[in-house]
Amino acid sequence: MNEHIKVSIIIPCRNESGNIQQVVERCPHLGSYTEIIFVEGNSIDDTLEQIKKVALHNSDKNIQWYI
C-alpha cells in the first residue's frame, strides 16, 4: 500500500543557512515518492544559496525551493 503514497515535505525557512543540510539529512523517504520543498522567507543570510547548494549535492533527492 505504501508504494502508492506520494509525500511533500514543506519547510518554511528564514535565516536558517546553517541548518539546511541537517534538515535534508533528517527527512525520511516516505512512500514511493518524497519531495522536499523549501519556502525561503526573505532571509538576510545565505539561506537560499545553501538550499541550492544542498540540492545540487543531494541530486538523489527531489529538492525544490520557492521564494
N, C-alpha and C. Protein backbone atom coordinates (compact mmCIF):
# COMPACT_ATOMS: atom_id res chain seq x y z
N MET A 1 0.82 -1.20 0.00
CA MET A 1 0.00 0.00 0.00
C MET A 1 0.87 1.27 0.00
N ASN A 2 1.97 1.30 0.73
CA ASN A 2 2.84 2.48 0.79
C ASN A 2 3.48 2.82 -0.54
N GLU A 3 3.56 1.87 -1.45
CA GLU A 3 4.21 2.14 -2.72
C GLU A 3 3.45 3.14 -3.59
N HIS A 4 2.21 3.45 -3.22
CA HIS A 4 1.40 4.41 -3.99
C HIS A 4 1.30 5.77 -3.31
N ILE A 5 1.92 5.91 -2.15
CA ILE A 5 1.84 7.15 -1.41
C ILE A 5 2.93 8.11 -1.87
N LYS A 6 2.53 9.35 -2.15
CA LYS A 6 3.47 10.41 -2.51
C LYS A 6 3.42 11.47 -1.42
N VAL A 7 4.58 11.95 -1.00
CA VAL A 7 4.66 12.86 0.12
C VAL A 7 5.45 14.11 -0.25
N SER A 8 4.93 15.26 0.14
CA SER A 8 5.64 16.53 0.01
C SER A 8 5.92 17.05 1.42
N ILE A 9 7.19 17.32 1.70
CA ILE A 9 7.59 17.89 2.98
C ILE A 9 7.88 19.35 2.72
N ILE A 10 7.09 20.23 3.32
CA ILE A 10 7.22 21.67 3.08
C ILE A 10 7.89 22.29 4.30
N ILE A 11 9.00 22.98 4.04
CA ILE A 11 9.81 23.54 5.12
C ILE A 11 9.94 25.05 4.94
N PRO A 12 9.23 25.84 5.75
CA PRO A 12 9.44 27.28 5.70
C PRO A 12 10.76 27.60 6.38
N CYS A 13 11.52 28.53 5.81
CA CYS A 13 12.81 28.85 6.42
C CYS A 13 13.16 30.32 6.21
N ARG A 14 13.69 30.89 7.26
CA ARG A 14 14.17 32.28 7.22
C ARG A 14 15.41 32.36 8.09
N ASN A 15 16.51 32.74 7.50
CA ASN A 15 17.79 32.84 8.22
C ASN A 15 18.17 31.50 8.85
N GLU A 16 18.10 30.45 8.05
CA GLU A 16 18.41 29.10 8.50
C GLU A 16 19.58 28.49 7.73
N SER A 17 20.47 29.30 7.26
CA SER A 17 21.58 28.84 6.43
C SER A 17 22.32 27.64 7.02
N GLY A 18 22.60 27.67 8.30
CA GLY A 18 23.37 26.61 8.93
C GLY A 18 22.62 25.32 9.19
N ASN A 19 21.33 25.30 8.90
CA ASN A 19 20.50 24.13 9.21
C ASN A 19 20.00 23.36 8.00
N ILE A 20 20.22 23.87 6.81
CA ILE A 20 19.63 23.27 5.61
C ILE A 20 20.11 21.84 5.39
N GLN A 21 21.40 21.59 5.45
CA GLN A 21 21.93 20.25 5.22
C GLN A 21 21.37 19.25 6.24
N GLN A 22 21.32 19.66 7.50
CA GLN A 22 20.80 18.77 8.55
C GLN A 22 19.34 18.43 8.31
N VAL A 23 18.58 19.39 7.88
CA VAL A 23 17.16 19.15 7.61
C VAL A 23 17.00 18.10 6.51
N VAL A 24 17.76 18.24 5.44
CA VAL A 24 17.68 17.29 4.33
C VAL A 24 18.10 15.90 4.79
N GLU A 25 19.16 15.82 5.57
CA GLU A 25 19.63 14.52 6.07
C GLU A 25 18.61 13.84 6.96
N ARG A 26 17.83 14.61 7.69
CA ARG A 26 16.87 14.06 8.64
C ARG A 26 15.50 13.74 8.03
N CYS A 27 15.25 14.22 6.83
CA CYS A 27 13.96 13.94 6.19
C CYS A 27 13.93 12.49 5.72
N PRO A 28 12.98 11.72 6.19
CA PRO A 28 12.91 10.31 5.76
C PRO A 28 12.30 10.19 4.37
N HIS A 29 12.61 9.10 3.72
CA HIS A 29 11.96 8.79 2.45
C HIS A 29 10.62 8.14 2.80
N LEU A 30 9.55 8.71 2.29
CA LEU A 30 8.21 8.24 2.64
C LEU A 30 7.46 7.82 1.38
N GLY A 31 6.88 6.65 1.39
CA GLY A 31 6.10 6.19 0.25
C GLY A 31 6.96 5.97 -0.98
N SER A 32 6.32 6.06 -2.13
CA SER A 32 7.03 5.82 -3.39
C SER A 32 7.73 7.07 -3.91
N TYR A 33 7.39 8.23 -3.37
CA TYR A 33 7.93 9.50 -3.87
C TYR A 33 7.91 10.52 -2.75
N THR A 34 9.03 11.09 -2.47
CA THR A 34 9.13 12.13 -1.44
C THR A 34 9.81 13.34 -2.04
N GLU A 35 9.21 14.50 -1.87
CA GLU A 35 9.84 15.73 -2.30
C GLU A 35 9.99 16.64 -1.09
N ILE A 36 11.07 17.40 -1.09
CA ILE A 36 11.34 18.37 -0.04
C ILE A 36 11.23 19.75 -0.68
N ILE A 37 10.34 20.56 -0.13
CA ILE A 37 10.11 21.90 -0.68
C ILE A 37 10.47 22.93 0.38
N PHE A 38 11.47 23.74 0.09
CA PHE A 38 11.83 24.84 0.97
C PHE A 38 11.11 26.10 0.50
N VAL A 39 10.54 26.83 1.44
CA VAL A 39 9.92 28.12 1.14
C VAL A 39 10.76 29.16 1.88
N GLU A 40 11.58 29.87 1.12
CA GLU A 40 12.54 30.83 1.68
C GLU A 40 11.83 32.15 1.95
N GLY A 41 12.01 32.67 3.16
CA GLY A 41 11.25 33.85 3.59
C GLY A 41 12.06 35.11 3.78
N ASN A 42 12.70 35.60 2.73
CA ASN A 42 13.43 36.88 2.77
C ASN A 42 14.55 36.89 3.80
N SER A 43 15.35 35.85 3.80
CA SER A 43 16.48 35.76 4.72
C SER A 43 17.50 36.85 4.45
N ILE A 44 18.20 37.26 5.50
CA ILE A 44 19.29 38.22 5.32
C ILE A 44 20.64 37.50 5.30
N ASP A 45 20.63 36.19 5.55
CA ASP A 45 21.86 35.41 5.41
C ASP A 45 21.81 34.68 4.07
N ASP A 46 22.62 33.66 3.90
CA ASP A 46 22.69 32.98 2.60
C ASP A 46 21.86 31.69 2.58
N THR A 47 20.69 31.73 3.19
CA THR A 47 19.81 30.56 3.23
C THR A 47 19.49 30.05 1.83
N LEU A 48 19.11 30.92 0.93
CA LEU A 48 18.74 30.49 -0.41
C LEU A 48 19.92 29.83 -1.12
N GLU A 49 21.09 30.40 -0.99
CA GLU A 49 22.27 29.82 -1.61
C GLU A 49 22.58 28.45 -1.03
N GLN A 50 22.39 28.29 0.28
CA GLN A 50 22.61 26.99 0.92
C GLN A 50 21.60 25.95 0.43
N ILE A 51 20.36 26.36 0.25
CA ILE A 51 19.34 25.45 -0.28
C ILE A 51 19.77 24.95 -1.65
N LYS A 52 20.19 25.86 -2.51
CA LYS A 52 20.62 25.49 -3.85
C LYS A 52 21.83 24.56 -3.81
N LYS A 53 22.79 24.86 -2.94
CA LYS A 53 23.99 24.04 -2.81
C LYS A 53 23.65 22.64 -2.32
N VAL A 54 22.82 22.55 -1.31
CA VAL A 54 22.43 21.25 -0.76
C VAL A 54 21.65 20.46 -1.81
N ALA A 55 20.77 21.12 -2.54
CA ALA A 55 20.01 20.44 -3.60
C ALA A 55 20.95 19.87 -4.66
N LEU A 56 21.96 20.63 -5.03
CA LEU A 56 22.93 20.20 -6.03
C LEU A 56 23.71 18.97 -5.55
N HIS A 57 24.09 18.96 -4.29
CA HIS A 57 24.89 17.87 -3.74
C HIS A 57 24.05 16.67 -3.28
N ASN A 58 22.74 16.79 -3.35
CA ASN A 58 21.84 15.70 -2.99
C ASN A 58 20.90 15.44 -4.15
N SER A 59 21.47 15.23 -5.32
CA SER A 59 20.68 15.08 -6.54
C SER A 59 19.81 13.83 -6.53
N ASP A 60 20.06 12.92 -5.60
CA ASP A 60 19.23 11.72 -5.48
C ASP A 60 17.89 12.02 -4.80
N LYS A 61 17.77 13.23 -4.23
CA LYS A 61 16.53 13.63 -3.57
C LYS A 61 15.87 14.72 -4.39
N ASN A 62 14.56 14.75 -4.35
CA ASN A 62 13.81 15.77 -5.07
C ASN A 62 13.66 17.01 -4.17
N ILE A 63 14.55 17.98 -4.34
CA ILE A 63 14.54 19.19 -3.52
C ILE A 63 14.20 20.38 -4.40
N GLN A 64 13.20 21.14 -3.96
CA GLN A 64 12.76 22.33 -4.68
C GLN A 64 12.75 23.50 -3.71
N TRP A 65 12.70 24.70 -4.25
CA TRP A 65 12.60 25.87 -3.41
C TRP A 65 11.77 26.93 -4.07
N TYR A 66 11.16 27.75 -3.22
CA TYR A 66 10.34 28.87 -3.67
C TYR A 66 10.70 30.07 -2.80
N ILE A 67 10.68 31.23 -3.41
CA ILE A 67 10.97 32.46 -2.66
C ILE A 67 9.77 33.39 -2.72
